[in-house]
């Protein structure tokens, strides 16, 4: 979350630690 902006997604990982997702 940057000043004056909404909280945004950055990255995620499933519990097994293999599959990931990222913001563009």
PDBML (XML) file of the C-alpha atoms, coordinates in Angstrom:
<?xml version="1.0" encoding="UTF-8" ?>
<PDBx:datablock datablockName="MODEL"
   xmlns:PDBx="http://pdbml.pdb.org/schema/pdbx-v50.xsd"
   xmlns:xsi="http://www.w3.org/2001/XMLSchema-instance"
   xsi:schemaLocation="http://pdbml.pdb.org/schema/pdbx-v50.xsd pdbx-v50.xsd">
   <PDBx:atom_siteCategory>
      <PDBx:atom_site id="1">
         <PDBx:B_iso_or_equiv>0.00</PDBx:B_iso_or_equiv>
         <PDBx:Cartn_x>0.000</PDBx:Cartn_x>
         <PDBx:Cartn_y>0.000</PDBx:Cartn_y>
         <PDBx:Cartn_z>0.000</PDBx:Cartn_z>
         <PDBx:auth_asym_id>A</PDBx:auth_asym_id>
         <PDBx:auth_atom_id>CA</PDBx:auth_atom_id>
         <PDBx:auth_comp_id>UNK</PDBx:auth_comp_id>
         <PDBx:auth_seq_id>1</PDBx:auth_seq_id>
         <PDBx:group_PDB>ATOM</PDBx:group_PDB>
         <PDBx:label_alt_id xsi:nil="true" />
         <PDBx:label_asym_id>A</PDBx:label_asym_id>
         <PDBx:label_atom_id>CA</PDBx:label_atom_id>
         <PDBx:label_comp_id>UNK</PDBx:label_comp_id>
         <PDBx:label_entity_id>1</PDBx:label_entity_id>
         <PDBx:label_seq_id>1</PDBx:label_seq_id>
         <PDBx:occupancy>1.00</PDBx:occupancy>
         <PDBx:pdbx_PDB_model_num>1</PDBx:pdbx_PDB_model_num>
         <PDBx:type_symbol>C</PDBx:type_symbol>
      </PDBx:atom_site>
      <PDBx:atom_site id="2">
         <PDBx:B_iso_or_equiv>0.00</PDBx:B_iso_or_equiv>
         <PDBx:Cartn_x>1.494</PDBx:Cartn_x>
         <PDBx:Cartn_y>3.269</PDBx:Cartn_y>
         <PDBx:Cartn_z>-1.183</PDBx:Cartn_z>
         <PDBx:auth_asym_id>A</PDBx:auth_asym_id>
         <PDBx:auth_atom_id>CA</PDBx:auth_atom_id>
         <PDBx:auth_comp_id>UNK</PDBx:auth_comp_id>
         <PDBx:auth_seq_id>2</PDBx:auth_seq_id>
         <PDBx:group_PDB>ATOM</PDBx:group_PDB>
         <PDBx:label_alt_id xsi:nil="true" />
         <PDBx:label_asym_id>A</PDBx:label_asym_id>
         <PDBx:label_atom_id>CA</PDBx:label_atom_id>
         <PDBx:label_comp_id>UNK</PDBx:label_comp_id>
         <PDBx:label_entity_id>1</PDBx:label_entity_id>
         <PDBx:label_seq_id>2</PDBx:label_seq_id>
         <PDBx:occupancy>1.00</PDBx:occupancy>
         <PDBx:pdbx_PDB_model_num>1</PDBx:pdbx_PDB_model_num>
         <PDBx:type_symbol>C</PDBx:type_symbol>
      </PDBx:atom_site>
      <PDBx:atom_site id="3">
         <PDBx:B_iso_or_equiv>0.00</PDBx:B_iso_or_equiv>
         <PDBx:Cartn_x>0.547</PDBx:Cartn_x>
         <PDBx:Cartn_y>6.605</PDBx:Cartn_y>
         <PDBx:Cartn_z>0.414</PDBx:Cartn_z>
         <PDBx:auth_asym_id>A</PDBx:auth_asym_id>
         <PDBx:auth_atom_id>CA</PDBx:auth_atom_id>
         <PDBx:auth_comp_id>UNK</PDBx:auth_comp_id>
         <PDBx:auth_seq_id>3</PDBx:auth_seq_id>
         <PDBx:group_PDB>ATOM</PDBx:group_PDB>
         <PDBx:label_alt_id xsi:nil="true" />
         <PDBx:label_asym_id>A</PDBx:label_asym_id>
         <PDBx:label_atom_id>CA</PDBx:label_atom_id>
         <PDBx:label_comp_id>UNK</PDBx:label_comp_id>
         <PDBx:label_entity_id>1</PDBx:label_entity_id>
         <PDBx:label_seq_id>3</PDBx:label_seq_id>
         <PDBx:occupancy>1.00</PDBx:occupancy>
         <PDBx:pdbx_PDB_model_num>1</PDBx:pdbx_PDB_model_num>
         <PDBx:type_symbol>C</PDBx:type_symbol>
      </PDBx:atom_site>
      <PDBx:atom_site id="4">
         <PDBx:B_iso_or_equiv>0.00</PDBx:B_iso_or_equiv>
         <PDBx:Cartn_x>-2.908</PDBx:Cartn_x>
         <PDBx:Cartn_y>7.701</PDBx:Cartn_y>
         <PDBx:Cartn_z>-0.707</PDBx:Cartn_z>
         <PDBx:auth_asym_id>A</PDBx:auth_asym_id>
         <PDBx:auth_atom_id>CA</PDBx:auth_atom_id>
         <PDBx:auth_comp_id>UNK</PDBx:auth_comp_id>
         <PDBx:auth_seq_id>4</PDBx:auth_seq_id>
         <PDBx:group_PDB>ATOM</PDBx:group_PDB>
         <PDBx:label_alt_id xsi:nil="true" />
         <PDBx:label_asym_id>A</PDBx:label_asym_id>
         <PDBx:label_atom_id>CA</PDBx:label_atom_id>
         <PDBx:label_comp_id>UNK</PDBx:label_comp_id>
         <PDBx:label_entity_id>1</PDBx:label_entity_id>
         <PDBx:label_seq_id>4</PDBx:label_seq_id>
         <PDBx:occupancy>1.00</PDBx:occupancy>
         <PDBx:pdbx_PDB_model_num>1</PDBx:pdbx_PDB_model_num>
         <PDBx:type_symbol>C</PDBx:type_symbol>
      </PDBx:atom_site>
      <PDBx:atom_site id="5">
         <PDBx:B_iso_or_equiv>0.00</PDBx:B_iso_or_equiv>
         <PDBx:Cartn_x>-3.540</PDBx:Cartn_x>
         <PDBx:Cartn_y>4.489</PDBx:Cartn_y>
         <PDBx:Cartn_z>-2.644</PDBx:Cartn_z>
         <PDBx:auth_asym_id>A</PDBx:auth_asym_id>
         <PDBx:auth_atom_id>CA</PDBx:auth_atom_id>
         <PDBx:auth_comp_id>UNK</PDBx:auth_comp_id>
         <PDBx:auth_seq_id>5</PDBx:auth_seq_id>
         <PDBx:group_PDB>ATOM</PDBx:group_PDB>
         <PDBx:label_alt_id xsi:nil="true" />
         <PDBx:label_asym_id>A</PDBx:label_asym_id>
         <PDBx:label_atom_id>CA</PDBx:label_atom_id>
         <PDBx:label_comp_id>UNK</PDBx:label_comp_id>
         <PDBx:label_entity_id>1</PDBx:label_entity_id>
         <PDBx:label_seq_id>5</PDBx:label_seq_id>
         <PDBx:occupancy>1.00</PDBx:occupancy>
         <PDBx:pdbx_PDB_model_num>1</PDBx:pdbx_PDB_model_num>
         <PDBx:type_symbol>C</PDBx:type_symbol>
      </PDBx:atom_site>
      <PDBx:atom_site id="6">
         <PDBx:B_iso_or_equiv>0.00</PDBx:B_iso_or_equiv>
         <PDBx:Cartn_x>-5.480</PDBx:Cartn_x>
         <PDBx:Cartn_y>1.292</PDBx:Cartn_y>
         <PDBx:Cartn_z>-2.066</PDBx:Cartn_z>
         <PDBx:auth_asym_id>A</PDBx:auth_asym_id>
         <PDBx:auth_atom_id>CA</PDBx:auth_atom_id>
         <PDBx:auth_comp_id>UNK</PDBx:auth_comp_id>
         <PDBx:auth_seq_id>6</PDBx:auth_seq_id>
         <PDBx:group_PDB>ATOM</PDBx:group_PDB>
         <PDBx:label_alt_id xsi:nil="true" />
         <PDBx:label_asym_id>A</PDBx:label_asym_id>
         <PDBx:label_atom_id>CA</PDBx:label_atom_id>
         <PDBx:label_comp_id>UNK</PDBx:label_comp_id>
         <PDBx:label_entity_id>1</PDBx:label_entity_id>
         <PDBx:label_seq_id>6</PDBx:label_seq_id>
         <PDBx:occupancy>1.00</PDBx:occupancy>
         <PDBx:pdbx_PDB_model_num>1</PDBx:pdbx_PDB_model_num>
         <PDBx:type_symbol>C</PDBx:type_symbol>
      </PDBx:atom_site>
      <PDBx:atom_site id="7">
         <PDBx:B_iso_or_equiv>0.00</PDBx:B_iso_or_equiv>
         <PDBx:Cartn_x>-3.794</PDBx:Cartn_x>
         <PDBx:Cartn_y>-1.882</PDBx:Cartn_y>
         <PDBx:Cartn_z>-0.951</PDBx:Cartn_z>
         <PDBx:auth_asym_id>A</PDBx:auth_asym_id>
         <PDBx:auth_atom_id>CA</PDBx:auth_atom_id>
         <PDBx:auth_comp_id>UNK</PDBx:auth_comp_id>
         <PDBx:auth_seq_id>7</PDBx:auth_seq_id>
         <PDBx:group_PDB>ATOM</PDBx:group_PDB>
         <PDBx:label_alt_id xsi:nil="true" />
         <PDBx:label_asym_id>A</PDBx:label_asym_id>
         <PDBx:label_atom_id>CA</PDBx:label_atom_id>
         <PDBx:label_comp_id>UNK</PDBx:label_comp_id>
         <PDBx:label_entity_id>1</PDBx:label_entity_id>
         <PDBx:label_seq_id>7</PDBx:label_seq_id>
         <PDBx:occupancy>1.00</PDBx:occupancy>
         <PDBx:pdbx_PDB_model_num>1</PDBx:pdbx_PDB_model_num>
         <PDBx:type_symbol>C</PDBx:type_symbol>
      </PDBx:atom_site>
      <PDBx:atom_site id="8">
         <PDBx:B_iso_or_equiv>0.00</PDBx:B_iso_or_equiv>
         <PDBx:Cartn_x>-2.797</PDBx:Cartn_x>
         <PDBx:Cartn_y>-3.936</PDBx:Cartn_y>
         <PDBx:Cartn_z>-3.973</PDBx:Cartn_z>
         <PDBx:auth_asym_id>A</PDBx:auth_asym_id>
         <PDBx:auth_atom_id>CA</PDBx:auth_atom_id>
         <PDBx:auth_comp_id>UNK</PDBx:auth_comp_id>
         <PDBx:auth_seq_id>8</PDBx:auth_seq_id>
         <PDBx:group_PDB>ATOM</PDBx:group_PDB>
         <PDBx:label_alt_id xsi:nil="true" />
         <PDBx:label_asym_id>A</PDBx:label_asym_id>
         <PDBx:label_atom_id>CA</PDBx:label_atom_id>
         <PDBx:label_comp_id>UNK</PDBx:label_comp_id>
         <PDBx:label_entity_id>1</PDBx:label_entity_id>
         <PDBx:label_seq_id>8</PDBx:label_seq_id>
         <PDBx:occupancy>1.00</PDBx:occupancy>
         <PDBx:pdbx_PDB_model_num>1</PDBx:pdbx_PDB_model_num>
         <PDBx:type_symbol>C</PDBx:type_symbol>
      </PDBx:atom_site>
      <PDBx:atom_site id="9">
         <PDBx:B_iso_or_equiv>0.00</PDBx:B_iso_or_equiv>
         <PDBx:Cartn_x>-1.831</PDBx:Cartn_x>
         <PDBx:Cartn_y>-7.514</PDBx:Cartn_y>
         <PDBx:Cartn_z>-4.652</PDBx:Cartn_z>
         <PDBx:auth_asym_id>A</PDBx:auth_asym_id>
         <PDBx:auth_atom_id>CA</PDBx:auth_atom_id>
         <PDBx:auth_comp_id>UNK</PDBx:auth_comp_id>
         <PDBx:auth_seq_id>9</PDBx:auth_seq_id>
         <PDBx:group_PDB>ATOM</PDBx:group_PDB>
         <PDBx:label_alt_id xsi:nil="true" />
         <PDBx:label_asym_id>A</PDBx:label_asym_id>
         <PDBx:label_atom_id>CA</PDBx:label_atom_id>
         <PDBx:label_comp_id>UNK</PDBx:label_comp_id>
         <PDBx:label_entity_id>1</PDBx:label_entity_id>
         <PDBx:label_seq_id>9</PDBx:label_seq_id>
         <PDBx:occupancy>1.00</PDBx:occupancy>
         <PDBx:pdbx_PDB_model_num>1</PDBx:pdbx_PDB_model_num>
         <PDBx:type_symbol>C</PDBx:type_symbol>
      </PDBx:atom_site>
      <PDBx:atom_site id="10">
         <PDBx:B_iso_or_equiv>0.00</PDBx:B_iso_or_equiv>
         <PDBx:Cartn_x>1.851</PDBx:Cartn_x>
         <PDBx:Cartn_y>-8.245</PDBx:Cartn_y>
         <PDBx:Cartn_z>-5.237</PDBx:Cartn_z>
         <PDBx:auth_asym_id>A</PDBx:auth_asym_id>
         <PDBx:auth_atom_id>CA</PDBx:auth_atom_id>
         <PDBx:auth_comp_id>UNK</PDBx:auth_comp_id>
         <PDBx:auth_seq_id>10</PDBx:auth_seq_id>
         <PDBx:group_PDB>ATOM</PDBx:group_PDB>
         <PDBx:label_alt_id xsi:nil="true" />
         <PDBx:label_asym_id>A</PDBx:label_asym_id>
         <PDBx:label_atom_id>CA</PDBx:label_atom_id>
         <PDBx:label_comp_id>UNK</PDBx:label_comp_id>
         <PDBx:label_entity_id>1</PDBx:label_entity_id>
         <PDBx:label_seq_id>10</PDBx:label_seq_id>
         <PDBx:occupancy>1.00</PDBx:occupancy>
         <PDBx:pdbx_PDB_model_num>1</PDBx:pdbx_PDB_model_num>
         <PDBx:type_symbol>C</PDBx:type_symbol>
      </PDBx:atom_site>
      <PDBx:atom_site id="11">
         <PDBx:B_iso_or_equiv>0.00</PDBx:B_iso_or_equiv>
         <PDBx:Cartn_x>2.443</PDBx:Cartn_x>
         <PDBx:Cartn_y>-12.003</PDBx:Cartn_y>
         <PDBx:Cartn_z>-5.149</PDBx:Cartn_z>
         <PDBx:auth_asym_id>A</PDBx:auth_asym_id>
         <PDBx:auth_atom_id>CA</PDBx:auth_atom_id>
         <PDBx:auth_comp_id>UNK</PDBx:auth_comp_id>
         <PDBx:auth_seq_id>11</PDBx:auth_seq_id>
         <PDBx:group_PDB>ATOM</PDBx:group_PDB>
         <PDBx:label_alt_id xsi:nil="true" />
         <PDBx:label_asym_id>A</PDBx:label_asym_id>
         <PDBx:label_atom_id>CA</PDBx:label_atom_id>
         <PDBx:label_comp_id>UNK</PDBx:label_comp_id>
         <PDBx:label_entity_id>1</PDBx:label_entity_id>
         <PDBx:label_seq_id>11</PDBx:label_seq_id>
         <PDBx:occupancy>1.00</PDBx:occupancy>
         <PDBx:pdbx_PDB_model_num>1</PDBx:pdbx_PDB_model_num>
         <PDBx:type_symbol>C</PDBx:type_symbol>
      </PDBx:atom_site>
      <PDBx:atom_site id="12">
         <PDBx:B_iso_or_equiv>0.00</PDBx:B_iso_or_equiv>
         <PDBx:Cartn_x>0.981</PDBx:Cartn_x>
         <PDBx:Cartn_y>-15.260</PDBx:Cartn_y>
         <PDBx:Cartn_z>-3.871</PDBx:Cartn_z>
         <PDBx:auth_asym_id>A</PDBx:auth_asym_id>
         <PDBx:auth_atom_id>CA</PDBx:auth_atom_id>
         <PDBx:auth_comp_id>UNK</PDBx:auth_comp_id>
         <PDBx:auth_seq_id>12</PDBx:auth_seq_id>
         <PDBx:group_PDB>ATOM</PDBx:group_PDB>
         <PDBx:label_alt_id xsi:nil="true" />
         <PDBx:label_asym_id>A</PDBx:label_asym_id>
         <PDBx:label_atom_id>CA</PDBx:label_atom_id>
         <PDBx:label_comp_id>UNK</PDBx:label_comp_id>
         <PDBx:label_entity_id>1</PDBx:label_entity_id>
         <PDBx:label_seq_id>12</PDBx:label_seq_id>
         <PDBx:occupancy>1.00</PDBx:occupancy>
         <PDBx:pdbx_PDB_model_num>1</PDBx:pdbx_PDB_model_num>
         <PDBx:type_symbol>C</PDBx:type_symbol>
      </PDBx:atom_site>
      <PDBx:atom_site id="13">
         <PDBx:B_iso_or_equiv>0.00</PDBx:B_iso_or_equiv>
         <PDBx:Cartn_x>2.124</PDBx:Cartn_x>
         <PDBx:Cartn_y>-18.827</PDBx:Cartn_y>
         <PDBx:Cartn_z>-3.341</PDBx:Cartn_z>
         <PDBx:auth_asym_id>A</PDBx:auth_asym_id>
         <PDBx:auth_atom_id>CA</PDBx:auth_atom_id>
         <PDBx:auth_comp_id>UNK</PDBx:auth_comp_id>
         <PDBx:auth_seq_id>13</PDBx:auth_seq_id>
         <PDBx:group_PDB>ATOM</PDBx:group_PDB>
         <PDBx:label_alt_id xsi:nil="true" />
         <PDBx:label_asym_id>A</PDBx:label_asym_id>
         <PDBx:label_atom_id>CA</PDBx:label_atom_id>
         <PDBx:label_comp_id>UNK</PDBx:label_comp_id>
         <PDBx:label_entity_id>1</PDBx:label_entity_id>
         <PDBx:label_seq_id>13</PDBx:label_seq_id>
         <PDBx:occupancy>1.00</PDBx:occupancy>
         <PDBx:pdbx_PDB_model_num>1</PDBx:pdbx_PDB_model_num>
         <PDBx:type_symbol>C</PDBx:type_symbol>
      </PDBx:atom_site>
      <PDBx:atom_site id="14">
         <PDBx:B_iso_or_equiv>0.00</PDBx:B_iso_or_equiv>
         <PDBx:Cartn_x>0.163</PDBx:Cartn_x>
         <PDBx:Cartn_y>-21.978</PDBx:Cartn_y>
         <PDBx:Cartn_z>-2.592</PDBx:Cartn_z>
         <PDBx:auth_asym_id>A</PDBx:auth_asym_id>
         <PDBx:auth_atom_id>CA</PDBx:auth_atom_id>
         <PDBx:auth_comp_id>UNK</PDBx:auth_comp_id>
         <PDBx:auth_seq_id>14</PDBx:auth_seq_id>
         <PDBx:group_PDB>ATOM</PDBx:group_PDB>
         <PDBx:label_alt_id xsi:nil="true" />
         <PDBx:label_asym_id>A</PDBx:label_asym_id>
         <PDBx:label_atom_id>CA</PDBx:label_atom_id>
         <PDBx:label_comp_id>UNK</PDBx:label_comp_id>
         <PDBx:label_entity_id>1</PDBx:label_entity_id>
         <PDBx:label_seq_id>14</PDBx:label_seq_id>
         <PDBx:occupancy>1.00</PDBx:occupancy>
         <PDBx:pdbx_PDB_model_num>1</PDBx:pdbx_PDB_model_num>
         <PDBx:type_symbol>C</PDBx:type_symbol>
      </PDBx:atom_site>
      <PDBx:atom_site id="15">
         <PDBx:B_iso_or_equiv>0.00</PDBx:B_iso_or_equiv>
         <PDBx:Cartn_x>0.937</PDBx:Cartn_x>
         <PDBx:Cartn_y>-23.884</PDBx:Cartn_y>
         <PDBx:Cartn_z>0.589</PDBx:Cartn_z>
         <PDBx:auth_asym_id>A</PDBx:auth_asym_id>
         <PDBx:auth_atom_id>CA</PDBx:auth_atom_id>
         <PDBx:auth_comp_id>UNK</PDBx:auth_comp_id>
         <PDBx:auth_seq_id>15</PDBx:auth_seq_id>
         <PDBx:group_PDB>ATOM</PDBx:group_PDB>
         <PDBx:label_alt_id xsi:nil="true" />
         <PDBx:label_asym_id>A</PDBx:label_asym_id>
         <PDBx:label_atom_id>CA</PDBx:label_atom_id>
         <PDBx:label_comp_id>UNK</PDBx:label_comp_id>
         <PDBx:label_entity_id>1</PDBx:label_entity_id>
         <PDBx:label_seq_id>15</PDBx:label_seq_id>
         <PDBx:occupancy>1.00</PDBx:occupancy>
         <PDBx:pdbx_PDB_model_num>1</PDBx:pdbx_PDB_model_num>
         <PDBx:type_symbol>C</PDBx:type_symbol>
      </PDBx:atom_site>
      <PDBx:atom_site id="16">
         <PDBx:B_iso_or_equiv>0.00</PDBx:B_iso_or_equiv>
         <PDBx:Cartn_x>3.120</PDBx:Cartn_x>
         <PDBx:Cartn_y>-26.454</PDBx:Cartn_y>
         <PDBx:Cartn_z>-1.138</PDBx:Cartn_z>
         <PDBx:auth_asym_id>A</PDBx:auth_asym_id>
         <PDBx:auth_atom_id>CA</PDBx:auth_atom_id>
         <PDBx:auth_comp_id>UNK</PDBx:auth_comp_id>
         <PDBx:auth_seq_id>16</PDBx:auth_seq_id>
         <PDBx:group_PDB>ATOM</PDBx:group_PDB>
         <PDBx:label_alt_id xsi:nil="true" />
         <PDBx:label_asym_id>A</PDBx:label_asym_id>
         <PDBx:label_atom_id>CA</PDBx:label_atom_id>
         <PDBx:label_comp_id>UNK</PDBx:label_comp_id>
         <PDBx:label_entity_id>1</PDBx:label_entity_id>
         <PDBx:label_seq_id>16</PDBx:label_seq_id>
         <PDBx:occupancy>1.00</PDBx:occupancy>
         <PDBx:pdbx_PDB_model_num>1</PDBx:pdbx_PDB_model_num>
         <PDBx:type_symbol>C</PDBx:type_symbol>
      </PDBx:atom_site>
      <PDBx:atom_site id="17">
         <PDBx:B_iso_or_equiv>0.00</PDBx:B_iso_or_equiv>
         <PDBx:Cartn_x>5.519</PDBx:Cartn_x>
         <PDBx:Cartn_y>-23.710</PDBx:Cartn_y>
         <PDBx:Cartn_z>-2.220</PDBx:Cartn_z>
         <PDBx:auth_asym_id>A</PDBx:auth_asym_id>
         <PDBx:auth_atom_id>CA</PDBx:auth_atom_id>
         <PDBx:auth_comp_id>UNK</PDBx:auth_comp_id>
         <PDBx:auth_seq_id>17</PDBx:auth_seq_id>
         <PDBx:group_PDB>ATOM</PDBx:group_PDB>
         <PDBx:label_alt_id xsi:nil="true" />
         <PDBx:label_asym_id>A</PDBx:label_asym_id>
         <PDBx:label_atom_id>CA</PDBx:label_atom_id>
         <PDBx:label_comp_id>UNK</PDBx:label_comp_id>
         <PDBx:label_entity_id>1</PDBx:label_entity_id>
         <PDBx:label_seq_id>17</PDBx:label_seq_id>
         <PDBx:occupancy>1.00</PDBx:occupancy>
         <PDBx:pdbx_PDB_model_num>1</PDBx:pdbx_PDB_model_num>
         <PDBx:type_symbol>C</PDBx:type_symbol>
      </PDBx:atom_site>
      <PDBx:atom_site id="18">
         <PDBx:B_iso_or_equiv>0.00</PDBx:B_iso_or_equiv>
         <PDBx:Cartn_x>5.507</PDBx:Cartn_x>
         <PDBx:Cartn_y>-24.439</PDBx:Cartn_y>
         <PDBx:Cartn_z>-5.955</PDBx:Cartn_z>
         <PDBx:auth_asym_id>A</PDBx:auth_asym_id>
         <PDBx:auth_atom_id>CA</PDBx:auth_atom_id>
         <PDBx:auth_comp_id>UNK</PDBx:auth_comp_id>
         <PDBx:auth_seq_id>18</PDBx:auth_seq_id>
         <PDBx:group_PDB>ATOM</PDBx:group_PDB>
         <PDBx:label_alt_id xsi:nil="true" />
         <PDBx:label_asym_id>A</PDBx:label_asym_id>
         <PDBx:label_atom_id>CA</PDBx:label_atom_id>
         <PDBx:label_comp_id>UNK</PDBx:label_comp_id>
         <PDBx:label_entity_id>1</PDBx:label_entity_id>
         <PDBx:label_seq_id>18</PDBx:label_seq_id>
         <PDBx:occupancy>1.00</PDBx:occupancy>
         <PDBx:pdbx_PDB_model_num>1</PDBx:pdbx_PDB_model_num>
         <PDBx:type_symbol>C</PDBx:type_symbol>
      </PDBx:atom_site>
      <PDBx:atom_site id="19">
         <PDBx:B_iso_or_equiv>0.00</PDBx:B_iso_or_equiv>
         <PDBx:Cartn_x>2.757</PDBx:Cartn_x>
         <PDBx:Cartn_y>-22.544</PDBx:Cartn_y>
         <PDBx:Cartn_z>-7.800</PDBx:Cartn_z>
         <PDBx:auth_asym_id>A</PDBx:auth_asym_id>
         <PDBx:auth_atom_id>CA</PDBx:auth_atom_id>
         <PDBx:auth_comp_id>UNK</PDBx:auth_comp_id>
         <PDBx:auth_seq_id>19</PDBx:auth_seq_id>
         <PDBx:group_PDB>ATOM</PDBx:group_PDB>
         <PDBx:label_alt_id xsi:nil="true" />
         <PDBx:label_asym_id>A</PDBx:label_asym_id>
         <PDBx:label_atom_id>CA</PDBx:label_atom_id>
         <PDBx:label_comp_id>UNK</PDBx:label_comp_id>
         <PDBx:label_entity_id>1</PDBx:label_entity_id>
         <PDBx:label_seq_id>19</PDBx:label_seq_id>
         <PDBx:occupancy>1.00</PDBx:occupancy>
         <PDBx:pdbx_PDB_model_num>1</PDBx:pdbx_PDB_model_num>
         <PDBx:type_symbol>C</PDBx:type_symbol>
      </PDBx:atom_site>
      <PDBx:atom_site id="20">
         <PDBx:B_iso_or_equiv>0.00</PDBx:B_iso_or_equiv>
         <PDBx:Cartn_x>2.964</PDBx:Cartn_x>
         <PDBx:Cartn_y>-18.753</PDBx:Cartn_y>
         <PDBx:Cartn_z>-7.725</PDBx:Cartn_z>
         <PDBx:auth_asym_id>A</PDBx:auth_asym_id>
         <PDBx:auth_atom_id>CA</PDBx:auth_atom_id>
         <PDBx:auth_comp_id>UNK</PDBx:auth_comp_id>
         <PDBx:auth_seq_id>20</PDBx:auth_seq_id>
         <PDBx:group_PDB>ATOM</PDBx:group_PDB>
         <PDBx:label_alt_id xsi:nil="true" />
         <PDBx:label_asym_id>A</PDBx:label_asym_id>
         <PDBx:label_atom_id>CA</PDBx:label_atom_id>
         <PDBx:label_comp_id>UNK</PDBx:label_comp_id>
         <PDBx:label_entity_id>1</PDBx:label_entity_id>
         <PDBx:label_seq_id>20</PDBx:label_seq_id>
         <PDBx:occupancy>1.00</PDBx:occupancy>
         <PDBx:pdbx_PDB_model_num>1</PDBx:pdbx_PDB_model_num>
         <PDBx:type_symbol>C</PDBx:type_symbol>
      </PDBx:atom_site>
      <PDBx:atom_site id="21">
         <PDBx:B_iso_or_equiv>0.00</PDBx:B_iso_or_equiv>
         <PDBx:Cartn_x>1.144</PDBx:Cartn_x>
         <PDBx:Cartn_y>-15.689</PDBx:Cartn_y>
         <PDBx:Cartn_z>-9.032</PDBx:Cartn_z>
         <PDBx:auth_asym_id>A</PDBx:auth_asym_id>
         <PDBx:auth_atom_id>CA</PDBx:auth_atom_id>
         <PDBx:auth_comp_id>UNK</PDBx:auth_comp_id>
         <PDBx:auth_seq_id>21</PDBx:auth_seq_id>
         <PDBx:group_PDB>ATOM</PDBx:group_PDB>
         <PDBx:label_alt_id xsi:nil="true" />
         <PDBx:label_asym_id>A</PDBx:label_asym_id>
         <PDBx:label_atom_id>CA</PDBx:label_atom_id>
         <PDBx:label_comp_id>UNK</PDBx:label_comp_id>
         <PDBx:label_entity_id>1</PDBx:label_entity_id>
         <PDBx:label_seq_id>21</PDBx:label_seq_id>
         <PDBx:occupancy>1.00</PDBx:occupancy>
         <PDBx:pdbx_PDB_model_num>1</PDBx:pdbx_PDB_model_num>
         <PDBx:type_symbol>C</PDBx:type_symbol>
      </PDBx:atom_site>
      <PDBx:atom_site id="22">
         <PDBx:B_iso_or_equiv>0.00</PDBx:B_iso_or_equiv>
         <PDBx:Cartn_x>2.331</PDBx:Cartn_x>
         <PDBx:Cartn_y>-12.115</PDBx:Cartn_y>
         <PDBx:Cartn_z>-9.526</PDBx:Cartn_z>
         <PDBx:auth_asym_id>A</PDBx:auth_asym_id>
         <PDBx:auth_atom_id>CA</PDBx:auth_atom_id>
         <PDBx:auth_comp_id>UNK</PDBx:auth_comp_id>
         <PDBx:auth_seq_id>22</PDBx:auth_seq_id>
         <PDBx:group_PDB>ATOM</PDBx:group_PDB>
         <PDBx:label_alt_id xsi:nil="true" />
         <PDBx:label_asym_id>A</PDBx:label_asym_id>
         <PDBx:label_atom_id>CA</PDBx:label_atom_id>
         <PDBx:label_comp_id>UNK</PDBx:label_comp_id>
         <PDBx:label_entity_id>1</PDBx:label_entity_id>
         <PDBx:label_seq_id>22</PDBx:label_seq_id>
         <PDBx:occupancy>1.00</PDBx:occupancy>
         <PDBx:pdbx_PDB_model_num>1</PDBx:pdbx_PDB_model_num>
         <PDBx:type_symbol>C</PDBx:type_symbol>
      </PDBx:atom_site>
      <PDBx:atom_site id="23">
         <PDBx:B_iso_or_equiv>0.00</PDBx:B_iso_or_equiv>
         <PDBx:Cartn_x>0.919</PDBx:Cartn_x>
         <PDBx:Cartn_y>-8.718</PDBx:Cartn_y>
         <PDBx:Cartn_z>-10.273</PDBx:Cartn_z>
         <PDBx:auth_asym_id>A</PDBx:auth_asym_id>
         <PDBx:auth_atom_id>CA</PDBx:auth_atom_id>
         <PDBx:auth_comp_id>UNK</PDBx:auth_comp_id>
         <PDBx:auth_seq_id>23</PDBx:auth_seq_id>
         <PDBx:group_PDB>ATOM</PDBx:group_PDB>
         <PDBx:label_alt_id xsi:nil="true" />
         <PDBx:label_asym_id>A</PDBx:label_asym_id>
         <PDBx:label_atom_id>CA</PDBx:label_atom_id>
         <PDBx:label_comp_id>UNK</PDBx:label_comp_id>
         <PDBx:label_entity_id>1</PDBx:label_entity_id>
         <PDBx:label_seq_id>23</PDBx:label_seq_id>
         <PDBx:occupancy>1.00</PDBx:occupancy>
         <PDBx:pdbx_PDB_model_num>1</PDBx:pdbx_PDB_model_num>
         <PDBx:type_symbol>C</PDBx:type_symbol>
      </PDBx:atom_site>
      <PDBx:atom_site id="24">
         <PDBx:B_iso_or_equiv>0.00</PDBx:B_iso_or_equiv>
         <PDBx:Cartn_x>1.830</PDBx:Cartn_x>
         <PDBx:Cartn_y>-7.550</PDBx:Cartn_y>
         <PDBx:Cartn_z>-13.775</PDBx:Cartn_z>
         <PDBx:auth_asym_id>A</PDBx:auth_asym_id>
         <PDBx:auth_atom_id>CA</PDBx:auth_atom_id>
         <PDBx:auth_comp_id>UNK</PDBx:auth_comp_id>
         <PDBx:auth_seq_id>24</PDBx:auth_seq_id>
         <PDBx:group_PDB>ATOM</PDBx:group_PDB>
         <PDBx:label_alt_id xsi:nil="true" />
         <PDBx:label_asym_id>A</PDBx:label_asym_id>
         <PDBx:label_atom_id>CA</PDBx:label_atom_id>
         <PDBx:label_comp_id>UNK</PDBx:label_comp_id>
         <PDBx:label_entity_id>1</PDBx:label_entity_id>
         <PDBx:label_seq_id>24</PDBx:label_seq_id>
         <PDBx:occupancy>1.00</PDBx:occupancy>
         <PDBx:pdbx_PDB_model_num>1</PDBx:pdbx_PDB_model_num>
         <PDBx:type_symbol>C</PDBx:type_symbol>
      </PDBx:atom_site>
   </PDBx:atom_siteCategory>
</PDBx:datablock>
